[in-house]
PDB file of N, CA and C in Angstrom:
ATOM      1  N   MET A   1      87.707  86.424  96.497  1.00  0.00           N
ATOM      2  CA  MET A   1      88.328  87.409  95.630  1.00  0.00           C
ATOM      3  C   MET A   1      89.502  88.043  96.366  1.00  0.00           C
ATOM      4  N   THR A   2      90.648  88.058  95.721  1.00  0.00           N
ATOM      5  CA  THR A   2      91.852  88.618  96.314  1.00  0.00           C
ATOM      6  C   THR A   2      91.972  90.080  95.921  1.00  0.00           C
ATOM      7  N   GLY A   3      92.291  90.911  96.900  1.00  0.00           N
ATOM      8  CA  GLY A   3      92.451  92.333  96.642  1.00  0.00           C
ATOM      9  C   GLY A   3      93.763  92.852  97.196  1.00  0.00           C
ATOM     10  N   MET A   4      94.220  93.973  96.657  1.00  0.00           N
ATOM     11  CA  MET A   4      95.450  94.601  97.115  1.00  0.00           C
ATOM     12  C   MET A   4      95.105  95.583  98.225  1.00  0.00           C
ATOM     13  N   LEU A   5      95.731  95.412  99.375  1.00  0.00           N
ATOM     14  CA  LEU A   5      95.518  96.297 100.512  1.00  0.00           C
ATOM     15  C   LEU A   5      96.860  96.783 101.028  1.00  0.00           C
ATOM     16  N   TYR A   6      96.819  97.817 101.848  1.00  0.00           N
ATOM     17  CA  TYR A   6      98.025  98.436 102.383  1.00  0.00           C
ATOM     18  C   TYR A   6      97.921  98.489 103.900  1.00  0.00           C
ATOM     19  N   GLN A   7      99.081  98.402 104.563  1.00  0.00           N
ATOM     20  CA  GLN A   7      99.108  98.470 106.016  1.00  0.00           C
ATOM     21  C   GLN A   7     100.230  99.405 106.438  1.00  0.00           C
ATOM     22  N   ALA A   8      99.963 100.195 107.477  1.00  0.00           N
ATOM     23  CA  ALA A   8     100.964 101.114 108.016  1.00  0.00           C
ATOM     24  C   ALA A   8     101.602 100.488 109.246  1.00  0.00           C
ATOM     25  N   LYS A   9     102.902 100.678 109.370  1.00  0.00           N
ATOM     26  CA  LYS A   9     103.636 100.128 110.498  1.00  0.00           C
ATOM     27  C   LYS A   9     104.681 101.150 110.919  1.00  0.00           C
ATOM     28  N   ILE A  10     104.974 101.192 112.213  1.00  0.00           N
ATOM     29  CA  ILE A  10     106.040 102.057 112.700  1.00  0.00           C
ATOM     30  C   ILE A  10     107.008 101.200 113.495  1.00  0.00           C
ATOM     31  N   GLY A  11     108.288 101.421 113.298  1.00  0.00           N
ATOM     32  CA  GLY A  11     109.317 100.685 114.018  1.00  0.00           C
ATOM     33  C   GLY A  11     109.900 101.552 115.114  1.00  0.00           C
ATOM     34  N   ASP A  12     109.915 101.030 116.323  1.00  0.00           N
ATOM     35  CA  ASP A  12     110.456 101.743 117.477  1.00  0.00           C
ATOM     36  C   ASP A  12     111.917 101.348 117.638  1.00  0.00           C
ATOM     37  N   GLY A  13     112.820 102.253 117.307  1.00  0.00           N
ATOM     38  CA  GLY A  13     114.245 101.971 117.372  1.00  0.00           C
ATOM     39  C   GLY A  13     114.772 101.803 118.782  1.00  0.00           C
ATOM     40  N   PHE A  14     114.102 102.385 119.769  1.00  0.00           N
ATOM     41  CA  PHE A  14     114.547 102.288 121.153  1.00  0.00           C
ATOM     42  C   PHE A  14     114.138 100.942 121.753  1.00  0.00           C
ATOM     43  N   LYS A  15     112.875 100.574 121.575  1.00  0.00           N
ATOM     44  CA  LYS A  15     112.379  99.301 122.113  1.00  0.00           C
ATOM     45  C   LYS A  15     112.633  98.142 121.156  1.00  0.00           C
ATOM     46  N   LYS A  16     113.047  98.470 119.943  1.00  0.00           N
ATOM     47  CA  LYS A  16     113.358  97.498 118.903  1.00  0.00           C
ATOM     48  C   LYS A  16     112.187  96.566 118.605  1.00  0.00           C
ATOM     49  N   LYS A  17     111.028  97.173 118.328  1.00  0.00           N
ATOM     50  CA  LYS A  17     109.878  96.378 117.913  1.00  0.00           C
ATOM     51  C   LYS A  17     108.994  97.203 116.994  1.00  0.00           C
ATOM     52  N   GLY A  18     108.221  96.514 116.185  1.00  0.00           N
ATOM     53  CA  GLY A  18     107.299  97.172 115.264  1.00  0.00           C
ATOM     54  C   GLY A  18     105.923  97.318 115.886  1.00  0.00           C
ATOM     55  N   LEU A  19     105.249  98.404 115.543  1.00  0.00           N
ATOM     56  CA  LEU A  19     103.923  98.672 116.085  1.00  0.00           C
ATOM     57  C   LEU A  19     102.951  98.984 114.954  1.00  0.00           C
ATOM     58  N   ASN A  20     101.732  98.503 115.076  1.00  0.00           N
ATOM     59  CA  ASN A  20     100.657  98.864 114.159  1.00  0.00           C
ATOM     60  C   ASN A  20      99.336  98.516 114.832  1.00  0.00           C
ATOM     61  N   ARG A  21      98.254  99.052 114.296  1.00  0.00           N
ATOM     62  CA  ARG A  21      96.937  98.645 114.796  1.00  0.00           C
ATOM     63  C   ARG A  21      96.638  97.275 114.215  1.00  0.00           C
ATOM     64  N   ARG A  22      96.306  96.345 115.046  1.00  0.00           N
ATOM     65  CA  ARG A  22      96.052  94.971 114.582  1.00  0.00           C
ATOM     66  C   ARG A  22      94.862  94.913 113.626  1.00  0.00           C
ATOM     67  N   GLY A  23      95.060  94.156 112.559  1.00  0.00           N
ATOM     68  CA  GLY A  23      93.975  93.929 111.613  1.00  0.00           C
ATOM     69  C   GLY A  23      93.561  95.138 110.804  1.00  0.00           C
ATOM     70  N   THR A  24      94.453  96.112 110.682  1.00  0.00           N
ATOM     71  CA  THR A  24      94.100  97.312 109.925  1.00  0.00           C
ATOM     72  C   THR A  24      94.721  97.256 108.538  1.00  0.00           C
ATOM     73  N   PHE A  25      93.866  97.249 107.551  1.00  0.00           N
ATOM     74  CA  PHE A  25      94.298  97.287 106.163  1.00  0.00           C
ATOM     75  C   PHE A  25      93.516  98.386 105.467  1.00  0.00           C
ATOM     76  N   PHE A  26      94.163  99.026 104.489  1.00  0.00           N
ATOM     77  CA  PHE A  26      93.579 100.186 103.831  1.00  0.00           C
ATOM     78  C   PHE A  26      93.511  99.958 102.331  1.00  0.00           C
ATOM     79  N   LYS A  27      92.532 100.604 101.703  1.00  0.00           N
ATOM     80  CA  LYS A  27      92.308 100.440 100.267  1.00  0.00           C
ATOM     81  C   LYS A  27      93.346 101.166  99.428  1.00  0.00           C
ATOM     82  N   THR A  28      93.836 102.306  99.911  1.00  0.00           N
ATOM     83  CA  THR A  28      94.761 103.116  99.117  1.00  0.00           C
ATOM     84  C   THR A  28      96.041 103.400  99.896  1.00  0.00           C
ATOM     85  N   PRO A  29      97.144 103.658  99.178  1.00  0.00           N
ATOM     86  CA  PRO A  29      98.376 104.035  99.857  1.00  0.00           C
ATOM     87  C   PRO A  29      98.211 105.339 100.647  1.00  0.00           C
ATOM     88  N   LYS A  30      97.365 106.243 100.151  1.00  0.00           N
ATOM     89  CA  LYS A  30      97.144 107.521 100.832  1.00  0.00           C
ATOM     90  C   LYS A  30      96.566 107.294 102.230  1.00  0.00           C
ATOM     91  N   GLU A  31      95.625 106.361 102.351  1.00  0.00           N
ATOM     92  CA  GLU A  31      95.055 106.044 103.658  1.00  0.00           C
ATOM     93  C   GLU A  31      96.107 105.430 104.576  1.00  0.00           C
ATOM     94  N   ALA A  32      96.974 104.581 104.023  1.00  0.00           N
ATOM     95  CA  ALA A  32      98.032 103.958 104.822  1.00  0.00           C
ATOM     96  C   ALA A  32      99.032 105.002 105.309  1.00  0.00           C
ATOM     97  N   VAL A  33      99.371 105.967 104.467  1.00  0.00           N
ATOM     98  CA  VAL A  33     100.294 107.031 104.880  1.00  0.00           C
ATOM     99  C   VAL A  33      99.646 107.894 105.954  1.00  0.00           C
ATOM    100  N   SER A  34      98.363 108.167 105.824  1.00  0.00           N
ATOM    101  CA  SER A  34      97.642 108.924 106.848  1.00  0.00           C
ATOM    102  C   SER A  34      97.735 108.214 108.196  1.00  0.00           C
ATOM    103  N   GLU A  35      97.525 106.917 108.192  1.00  0.00           N
ATOM    104  CA  GLU A  35      97.640 106.113 109.413  1.00  0.00           C
ATOM    105  C   GLU A  35      99.073 106.162 109.954  1.00  0.00           C
ATOM    106  N   ALA A  36     100.069 106.047 109.050  1.00  0.00           N
ATOM    107  CA  ALA A  36     101.472 106.084 109.471  1.00  0.00           C
ATOM    108  C   ALA A  36     101.816 107.425 110.119  1.00  0.00           C
ATOM    109  N   LEU A  37     101.307 108.522 109.570  1.00  0.00           N
ATOM    110  CA  LEU A  37     101.577 109.841 110.147  1.00  0.00           C
ATOM    111  C   LEU A  37     100.894 109.997 111.502  1.00  0.00           C
ATOM    112  N   ALA A  38      99.726 109.388 111.676  1.00  0.00           N
ATOM    113  CA  ALA A  38      99.066 109.404 112.986  1.00  0.00           C
ATOM    114  C   ALA A  38      99.882 108.591 113.992  1.00  0.00           C
ATOM    115  N   LEU A  39     100.427 107.458 113.559  1.00  0.00           N
ATOM    116  CA  LEU A  39     101.297 106.666 114.429  1.00  0.00           C
ATOM    117  C   LEU A  39     102.566 107.441 114.775  1.00  0.00           C
ATOM    118  N   LYS A  40     103.062 108.216 113.803  1.00  0.00           N
ATOM    119  CA  LYS A  40     104.248 109.055 114.031  1.00  0.00           C
ATOM    120  C   LYS A  40     103.967 110.080 115.122  1.00  0.00           C
ATOM    121  N   GLU A  41     102.804 110.726 115.074  1.00  0.00           N
ATOM    122  CA  GLU A  41     102.431 111.682 116.123  1.00  0.00           C
ATOM    123  C   GLU A  41     102.392 111.001 117.482  1.00  0.00           C
ATOM    124  N   SER A  42     101.863 109.804 117.510  1.00  0.00           N
ATOM    125  CA  SER A  42     101.750 109.057 118.760  1.00  0.00           C
ATOM    126  C   SER A  42     103.123 108.743 119.347  1.00  0.00           C
ATOM    127  N   ILE A  43     104.046 108.285 118.507  1.00  0.00           N
ATOM    128  CA  ILE A  43     105.372 107.938 119.017  1.00  0.00           C
ATOM    129  C   ILE A  43     106.168 109.196 119.360  1.00  0.00           C
ATOM    130  N   ASP A  44     105.913 110.299 118.644  1.00  0.00           N
ATOM    131  CA  ASP A  44     106.547 111.570 119.003  1.00  0.00           C
ATOM    132  C   ASP A  44     106.129 111.996 120.407  1.00  0.00           C
ATOM    133  N   GLN A  45     104.868 111.808 120.749  1.00  0.00           N
ATOM    134  CA  GLN A  45     104.398 112.148 122.094  1.00  0.00           C
ATOM    135  C   GLN A  45     105.041 111.244 123.135  1.00  0.00           C
ATOM    136  N   THR A  46     105.191 109.970 122.807  1.00  0.00           N
ATOM    137  CA  THR A  46     105.811 109.024 123.738  1.00  0.00           C
ATOM    138  C   THR A  46     107.230 109.454 124.083  1.00  0.00           C
ATOM    139  N   TYR A  47     107.976 109.914 123.099  1.00  0.00           N
ATOM    140  CA  TYR A  47     109.368 110.313 123.304  1.00  0.00           C
ATOM    141  C   TYR A  47     109.529 111.830 123.417  1.00  0.00           C
ATOM    142  N   LYS A  48     108.453 112.525 123.751  1.00  0.00           N
ATOM    143  CA  LYS A  48     108.456 113.974 124.007  1.00  0.00           C
ATOM    144  C   LYS A  48     109.124 114.759 122.881  1.00  0.00           C
ATOM    145  N   ASN A  49     108.749 114.418 121.638  1.00  0.00           N
ATOM    146  CA  ASN A  49     109.259 115.078 120.424  1.00  0.00           C
ATOM    147  C   ASN A  49     110.784 115.044 120.326  1.00  0.00           C
ATOM    148  N   GLY A  50     111.396 114.001 120.873  1.00  0.00           N
ATOM    149  CA  GLY A  50     112.851 113.860 120.828  1.00  0.00           C
ATOM    150  C   GLY A  50     113.352 113.149 119.586  1.00  0.00           C
ATOM    151  N   ILE A  51     112.451 112.744 118.705  1.00  0.00           N
ATOM    152  CA  ILE A  51     112.851 112.039 117.486  1.00  0.00           C
ATOM    153  C   ILE A  51     113.018 113.054 116.365  1.00  0.00           C
ATOM    154  N   GLU A  52     114.193 113.053 115.758  1.00  0.00           N
ATOM    155  CA  GLU A  52     114.442 113.920 114.604  1.00  0.00           C
ATOM    156  C   GLU A  52     114.211 113.082 113.348  1.00  0.00           C
ATOM    157  N   TRP A  53     113.204 113.464 112.576  1.00  0.00           N
ATOM    158  CA  TRP A  53     112.835 112.714 111.373  1.00  0.00           C
ATOM    159  C   TRP A  53     113.649 113.202 110.188  1.00  0.00           C
ATOM    160  N   ASP A  54     114.187 112.272 109.409  1.00  0.00           N
ATOM    161  CA  ASP A  54     115.022 112.573 108.247  1.00  0.00           C
ATOM    162  C   ASP A  54     114.144 112.626 106.996  1.00  0.00           C
ATOM    163  N   TYR A  55     113.631 113.818 106.705  1.00  0.00           N
ATOM    164  CA  TYR A  55     112.745 113.979 105.554  1.00  0.00           C
ATOM    165  C   TYR A  55     113.513 113.965 104.232  1.00  0.00           C
ATOM    166  N   ASN A  56     114.837 114.138 104.285  1.00  0.00           N
ATOM    167  CA  ASN A  56     115.629 114.152 103.057  1.00  0.00           C
ATOM    168  C   ASN A  56     116.178 112.778 102.701  1.00  0.00           C
ATOM    169  N   GLY A  57     115.983 111.800 103.569  1.00  0.00           N
ATOM    170  CA  GLY A  57     116.484 110.456 103.317  1.00  0.00           C
ATOM    171  C   GLY A  57     115.693 109.748 102.232  1.00  0.00           C
ATOM    172  N   LYS A  58     116.294 108.704 101.696  1.00  0.00           N
ATOM    173  CA  LYS A  58     115.644 107.931 100.638  1.00  0.00           C
ATOM    174  C   LYS A  58     114.680 106.921 101.242  1.00  0.00           C
ATOM    175  N   MET A  59     113.647 106.599 100.473  1.00  0.00           N
ATOM    176  CA  MET A  59     112.772 105.493 100.847  1.00  0.00           C
ATOM    177  C   MET A  59     113.516 104.210 100.512  1.00  0.00           C
ATOM    178  N   THR A  60     113.474 103.243 101.412  1.00  0.00           N
ATOM    179  CA  THR A  60     114.214 102.004 101.207  1.00  0.00           C
ATOM    180  C   THR A  60     113.274 100.811 101.233  1.00  0.00           C
ATOM    181  N   GLY A  61     113.729  99.720 100.648  1.00  0.00           N
ATOM    182  CA  GLY A  61     112.947  98.492 100.623  1.00  0.00           C
ATOM    183  C   GLY A  61     112.288  98.282  99.279  1.00  0.00           C
ATOM    184  N   SER A  62     111.485  97.240  99.221  1.00  0.00           N
ATOM    185  CA  SER A  62     110.769  96.923  97.985  1.00  0.00           C
ATOM    186  C   SER A  62     109.397  97.588  98.009  1.00  0.00           C
ATOM    187  N   VAL A  63     108.693  97.506  96.908  1.00  0.00           N
ATOM    188  CA  VAL A  63     107.351  98.081  96.830  1.00  0.00           C
ATOM    189  C   VAL A  63     106.421  97.368  97.817  1.00  0.00           C
ATOM    190  N   LYS A  64     106.687  96.096  98.083  1.00  0.00           N
ATOM    191  CA  LYS A  64     105.850  95.344  99.025  1.00  0.00           C
ATOM    192  C   LYS A  64     106.086  95.757 100.474  1.00  0.00           C
ATOM    193  N   LYS A  65     107.254  96.322 100.758  1.00  0.00           N
ATOM    194  CA  LYS A  65     107.619  96.627 102.140  1.00  0.00           C
ATOM    195  C   LYS A  65     108.579  97.825 102.133  1.00  0.00           C
ATOM    196  N   VAL A  66     108.024  99.026 101.969  1.00  0.00           N
ATOM    197  CA  VAL A  66     108.855 100.215 101.802  1.00  0.00           C
ATOM    198  C   VAL A  66     108.880 101.053 103.083  1.00  0.00           C
ATOM    199  N   LYS A  67     110.086 101.400 103.509  1.00  0.00           N
ATOM    200  CA  LYS A  67     110.259 102.300 104.650  1.00  0.00           C
ATOM    201  C   LYS A  67     110.251 103.716 104.087  1.00  0.00           C
ATOM    202  N   ILE A  68     109.271 104.511 104.520  1.00  0.00           N
ATOM    203  CA  ILE A  68     109.060 105.814 103.896  1.00  0.00           C
ATOM    204  C   ILE A  68     109.723 106.959 104.644  1.00  0.00           C
ATOM    205  N   LEU A  69     110.048 106.762 105.924  1.00  0.00           N
ATOM    206  CA  LEU A  69     110.621 107.850 106.716  1.00  0.00           C
ATOM    207  C   LEU A  69     111.379 107.249 107.885  1.00  0.00           C
ATOM    208  N   ARG A  70     112.588 107.781 108.139  1.00  0.00           N
ATOM    209  CA  ARG A  70     113.376 107.315 109.283  1.00  0.00           C
ATOM    210  C   ARG A  70     113.579 108.463 110.254  1.00  0.00           C
ATOM    211  N   GLY A  71     113.742 108.115 111.512  1.00  0.00           N
ATOM    212  CA  GLY A  71     113.993 109.114 112.538  1.00  0.00           C
ATOM    213  C   GLY A  71     114.966 108.574 113.565  1.00  0.00           C
ATOM    214  N   PHE A  72     115.645 109.498 114.259  1.00  0.00           N
ATOM    215  CA  PHE A  72     116.641 109.107 115.246  1.00  0.00           C
ATOM    216  C   PHE A  72     116.365 109.833 116.548  1.00  0.00           C
ATOM    217  N   LEU A  73     116.434 109.091 117.664  1.00  0.00           N
ATOM    218  CA  LEU A  73     116.190 109.667 118.976  1.00  0.00           C
ATOM    219  C   LEU A  73     117.292 110.663 119.296  1.00  0.00           C
ATOM    220  N   ASN A  74     116.916 111.883 119.579  1.00  0.00           N
ATOM    221  CA  ASN A  74     117.832 112.989 119.869  1.00  0.00           C
ATOM    222  C   ASN A  74     118.836 113.228 118.743  1.00  0.00           C
ATOM    223  N   GLY A  75     118.503 112.824 117.533  1.00  0.00           N
ATOM    224  CA  GLY A  75     119.364 113.062 116.379  1.00  0.00           C
ATOM    225  C   GLY A  75     120.585 112.167 116.316  1.00  0.00           C
ATOM    226  N   ASP A  76     120.682 111.147 117.171  1.00  0.00           N
ATOM    227  CA  ASP A  76     121.836 110.252 117.229  1.00  0.00           C
ATOM    228  C   ASP A  76     121.759 109.230 116.097  1.00  0.00           C
ATOM    229  N   ARG A  77     122.503 109.476 115.034  1.00  0.00           N
ATOM    230  CA  ARG A  77     122.451 108.610 113.857  1.00  0.00           C
ATOM    231  C   ARG A  77     123.144 107.267 114.086  1.00  0.00           C
ATOM    232  N   GLU A  78     123.847 107.112 115.189  1.00  0.00           N
ATOM    233  CA  GLU A  78     124.482 105.837 115.517  1.00  0.00           C
ATOM    234  C   GLU A  78     123.489 104.877 116.172  1.00  0.00           C
ATOM    235  N   SER A  79     122.369 105.396 116.639  1.00  0.00           N
ATOM    236  CA  SER A  79     121.368 104.563 117.310  1.00  0.00           C
ATOM    237  C   SER A  79     120.489 103.854 116.285  1.00  0.00           C
ATOM    238  N   GLU A  80     119.707 102.894 116.767  1.00  0.00           N
ATOM    239  CA  GLU A  80     118.744 102.208 115.904  1.00  0.00           C
ATOM    240  C   GLU A  80     117.689 103.215 115.459  1.00  0.00           C
ATOM    241  N   PRO A  81     117.368 103.258 114.168  1.00  0.00           N
ATOM    242  CA  PRO A  81     116.391 104.251 113.703  1.00  0.00           C
ATOM    243  C   PRO A  81     114.946 103.845 113.994  1.00  0.00           C
ATOM    244  N   PHE A  82     114.108 104.843 114.123  1.00  0.00           N
ATOM    245  CA  PHE A  82     112.661 104.668 114.107  1.00  0.00           C
ATOM    246  C   PHE A  82     112.283 104.735 112.628  1.00  0.00           C
ATOM    247  N   TYR A  83     111.190 104.127 112.237  1.00  0.00           N
ATOM    248  CA  TYR A  83     110.810 104.204 110.830  1.00  0.00           C
ATOM    249  C   TYR A  83     109.306 104.080 110.657  1.00  0.00           C
ATOM    250  N   LEU A  84     108.831 104.655 109.569  1.00  0.00           N
ATOM    251  CA  LEU A  84     107.453 104.467 109.117  1.00  0.00           C
ATOM    252  C   LEU A  84     107.526 103.570 107.894  1.00  0.00           C
ATOM    253  N   GLN A  85     106.649 102.595 107.832  1.00  0.00           N
ATOM    254  CA  GLN A  85     106.700 101.617 106.757  1.00  0.00           C
ATOM    255  C   GLN A  85     105.294 101.358 106.219  1.00  0.00           C
ATOM    256  N   ILE A  86     105.208 101.172 104.902  1.00  0.00           N
ATOM    257  CA  ILE A  86     103.957 100.803 104.252  1.00  0.00           C
ATOM    258  C   ILE A  86     104.140  99.411 103.652  1.00  0.00           C
ATOM    259  N   LEU A  87     103.257  98.500 104.041  1.00  0.00           N
ATOM    260  CA  LEU A  87     103.286  97.135 103.525  1.00  0.00           C
ATOM    261  C   LEU A  87     102.170  96.968 102.499  1.00  0.00           C
ATOM    262  N   THR A  88     102.479  96.320 101.389  1.00  0.00           N
ATOM    263  CA  THR A  88     101.481  96.001 100.373  1.00  0.00           C
ATOM    264  C   THR A  88     101.193  94.511 100.479  1.00  0.00           C
ATOM    265  N   VAL A  89      99.925  94.170 100.681  1.00  0.00           N
ATOM    266  CA  VAL A  89      99.563  92.763 100.875  1.00  0.00           C
ATOM    267  C   VAL A  89      98.377  92.392  99.991  1.00  0.00           C
ATOM    268  N   LYS A  90      98.328  91.132  99.625  1.00  0.00           N
ATOM    269  CA  LYS A  90      97.162  90.597  98.920  1.00  0.00           C
ATOM    270  C   LYS A  90      96.374  89.809  99.950  1.00  0.00           C
ATOM    271  N   LYS A  91      95.135  90.198 100.131  1.00  0.00           N
ATOM    272  CA  LYS A  91      94.293  89.545 101.133  1.00  0.00           C
ATOM    273  C   LYS A  91      93.018  89.053 100.481  1.00  0.00           C
ATOM    274  N   GLU A  92      92.561  87.898 100.930  1.00  0.00           N
ATOM    275  CA  GLU A  92      91.270  87.374 100.485  1.00  0.00           C
ATOM    276  C   GLU A  92      90.212  87.723 101.506  1.00  0.00           C
ATOM    277  N   LYS A  93      89.099  88.197 101.034  1.00  0.00           N
ATOM    278  CA  LYS A  93      87.944  88.490 101.886  1.00  0.00           C
ATOM    279  C   LYS A  93      88.311  89.319 103.114  1.00  0.00           C
ATOM    280  N   SER A  94      89.084  90.330 102.917  1.00  0.00           N
ATOM    281  CA  SER A  94      89.445  91.216 104.018  1.00  0.00           C
ATOM    282  C   SER A  94      88.873  92.596 103.743  1.00  0.00           C
ATOM    283  N   SER A  95      88.342  93.204 104.760  1.00  0.00           N
ATOM    284  CA  SER A  95      87.755  94.525 104.556  1.00  0.00           C
ATOM    285  C   SER A  95      88.704  95.604 105.061  1.00  0.00           C
ATOM    286  N   ALA A  96      88.677  96.714 104.397  1.00  0.00           N
ATOM    287  CA  ALA A  96      89.511  97.847 104.775  1.00  0.00           C
ATOM    288  C   ALA A  96      88.817  98.633 105.885  1.00  0.00           C
ATOM    289  N   VAL A  97      89.627  99.322 106.686  1.00  0.00           N
ATOM    290  CA  VAL A  97      89.101 100.141 107.776  1.00  0.00           C
ATOM    291  C   VAL A  97      89.412 101.605 107.503  1.00  0.00           C
ATOM    292  N   THR A  98      88.814 102.476 108.280  1.00  0.00           N
ATOM    293  CA  THR A  98      89.078 103.906 108.156  1.00  0.00           C
ATOM    294  C   THR A  98      90.373 104.227 108.892  1.00  0.00           C
ATOM    295  N   PRO A  99      91.294 104.960 108.256  1.00  0.00           N
ATOM    296  CA  PRO A  99      92.560 105.263 108.920  1.00  0.00           C
ATOM    297  C   PRO A  99      92.404 106.351 109.973  1.00  0.00           C
ATOM    298  N   LYS A 100      93.334 106.337 110.924  1.00  0.00           N
ATOM    299  CA  LYS A 100      93.431 107.456 111.856  1.00  0.00           C
ATOM    300  C   LYS A 100      94.002 108.626 111.074  1.00  0.00           C
ATOM    301  N   LYS A 101      93.584 109.808 111.415  1.00  0.00           N
ATOM    302  CA  LYS A 101      94.088 111.008 110.746  1.00  0.00           C
ATOM    303  C   LYS A 101      95.041 111.728 111.698  1.00  0.00           C
ATOM    304  N   PRO A 102      96.188 112.189 111.199  1.00  0.00           N
ATOM    305  CA  PRO A 102      97.067 112.977 112.059  1.00  0.00           C
ATOM    306  C   PRO A 102      96.429 114.324 112.377  1.00  0.00           C
ATOM    307  N   LYS A 103      96.743 114.861 113.556  1.00  0.00           N
ATOM    308  CA  LYS A 103      96.167 116.151 113.949  1.00  0.00           C
ATOM    309  C   LYS A 103      96.730 117.278 113.101  1.00  0.00           C
ATOM    310  N   THR A 104      98.017 117.198 112.802  1.00  0.00           N
ATOM    311  CA  THR A 104      98.652 118.209 111.954  1.00  0.00           C
ATOM    312  C   THR A 104      99.459 117.508 110.870  1.00  0.00           C
ATOM    313  N   VAL A 105      99.491 118.106 109.701  1.00  0.00           N
ATOM    314  CA  VAL A 105     100.282 117.590 108.588  1.00  0.00           C
ATOM    315  C   VAL A 105     101.161 118.734 108.096  1.00  0.00           C
ATOM    316  N   THR A 106     102.470 118.543 108.208  1.00  0.00           N
ATOM    317  CA  THR A 106     103.403 119.577 107.773  1.00  0.00           C
ATOM    318  C   THR A 106     103.630 119.474 106.268  1.00  0.00           C
ATOM    319  N   THR A 107     104.283 120.472 105.715  1.00  0.00           N
ATOM    320  CA  THR A 107     104.595 120.427 104.284  1.00  0.00           C
ATOM    321  C   THR A 107     105.564 119.281 103.994  1.00  0.00           C
ATOM    322  N   LYS A 108     106.449 118.976 104.939  1.00  0.00           N
ATOM    323  CA  LYS A 108     107.372 117.853 104.757  1.00  0.00           C
ATOM    324  C   LYS A 108     106.609 116.532 104.739  1.00  0.00           C
ATOM    325  N   ASP A 109     105.599 116.426 105.601  1.00  0.00           N
ATOM    326  CA  ASP A 109     104.760 115.225 105.602  1.00  0.00           C
ATOM    327  C   ASP A 109     104.026 115.078 104.275  1.00  0.00           C
ATOM    328  N   LYS A 110     103.561 116.186 103.713  1.00  0.00           N
ATOM    329  CA  LYS A 110     102.867 116.149 102.422  1.00  0.00           C
ATOM    330  C   LYS A 110     103.801 115.681 101.309  1.00  0.00           C
ATOM    331  N   LYS A 111     105.082 116.085 101.389  1.00  0.00           N
ATOM    332  CA  LYS A 111     106.053 115.642 100.385  1.00  0.00           C
ATOM    333  C   LYS A 111     106.266 114.135 100.474  1.00  0.00           C
ATOM    334  N   VAL A 112     106.315 113.611 101.706  1.00  0.00           N
ATOM    335  CA  VAL A 112     106.449 112.164 101.890  1.00  0.00           C
ATOM    336  C   VAL A 112     105.239 111.460 101.289  1.00  0.00           C
ATOM    337  N   LEU A 113     104.057 111.986 101.533  1.00  0.00           N
ATOM    338  CA  LEU A 113     102.829 111.416 100.971  1.00  0.00           C
ATOM    339  C   LEU A 113     102.894 111.387  99.445  1.00  0.00           C
ATOM    340  N   ASP A 114     103.330 112.484  98.845  1.00  0.00           N
ATOM    341  CA  ASP A 114     103.432 112.550  97.383  1.00  0.00           C
ATOM    342  C   ASP A 114     104.424 111.520  96.841  1.00  0.00           C
ATOM    343  N   LYS A 115     105.575 111.349  97.526  1.00  0.00           N
ATOM    344  CA  LYS A 115     106.574 110.372  97.092  1.00  0.00           C
ATOM    345  C   LYS A 115     106.006 108.954  97.137  1.00  0.00           C
ATOM    346  N   VAL A 116     105.293 108.645  98.215  1.00  0.00           N
ATOM    347  CA  VAL A 116     104.723 107.307  98.359  1.00  0.00           C
ATOM    348  C   VAL A 116     103.663 107.062  97.290  1.00  0.00           C
ATOM    349  N   MET A 117     102.826 108.047  97.049  1.00  0.00           N
ATOM    350  CA  MET A 117     101.778 107.902  96.028  1.00  0.00           C
ATOM    351  C   MET A 117     102.398 107.659  94.656  1.00  0.00           C
ATOM    352  N   GLU A 118     103.494 108.345  94.368  1.00  0.00           N
ATOM    353  CA  GLU A 118     104.171 108.173  93.085  1.00  0.00           C
ATOM    354  C   GLU A 118     104.776 106.771  92.981  1.00  0.00           C
ATOM    355  N   LEU A 119     105.343 106.285  94.081  1.00  0.00           N
ATOM    356  CA  LEU A 119     105.977 104.971  94.084  1.00  0.00           C
ATOM    357  C   LEU A 119     104.960 103.837  93.962  1.00  0.00           C
ATOM    358  N   LEU A 120     103.837 103.959  94.645  1.00  0.00           N
ATOM    359  CA  LEU A 120     102.887 102.849  94.734  1.00  0.00           C
ATOM    360  C   LEU A 120     101.711 102.914  93.763  1.00  0.00           C
ATOM    361  N   LYS A 121     101.731 103.826  92.792  1.00  0.00           N
ATOM    362  CA  LYS A 121     100.590 103.851  91.861  1.00  0.00           C
ATOM    363  C   LYS A 121     100.676 102.791  90.815  1.00  0.00           C
TER     364      LYS A 121
END
């Protein structure tokens, strides 16, 4: 039986590679966004909160592969952006896992969650 699952991914603009927990798929977009925000906290710690996230930017990409939030190291918009991305995949016989929860969720993060939920329903 094929089911629709979601995966959270973060792109590191400095190292130029994508990061995610291997084999993690979620039942709902809300769980995937929760995981993405936890990954965001992790990368913020790595770069000592030097990433300025653009909460006013548009979500880009298709519904299957949407970038929900972009950020720039030290606010340098000429540099490669960091990004949070939600992937929609069809998987056979795959089980969903429990997402990591971010320690804090700001009102801006909640707005991003609402936008994603509206887009992916």
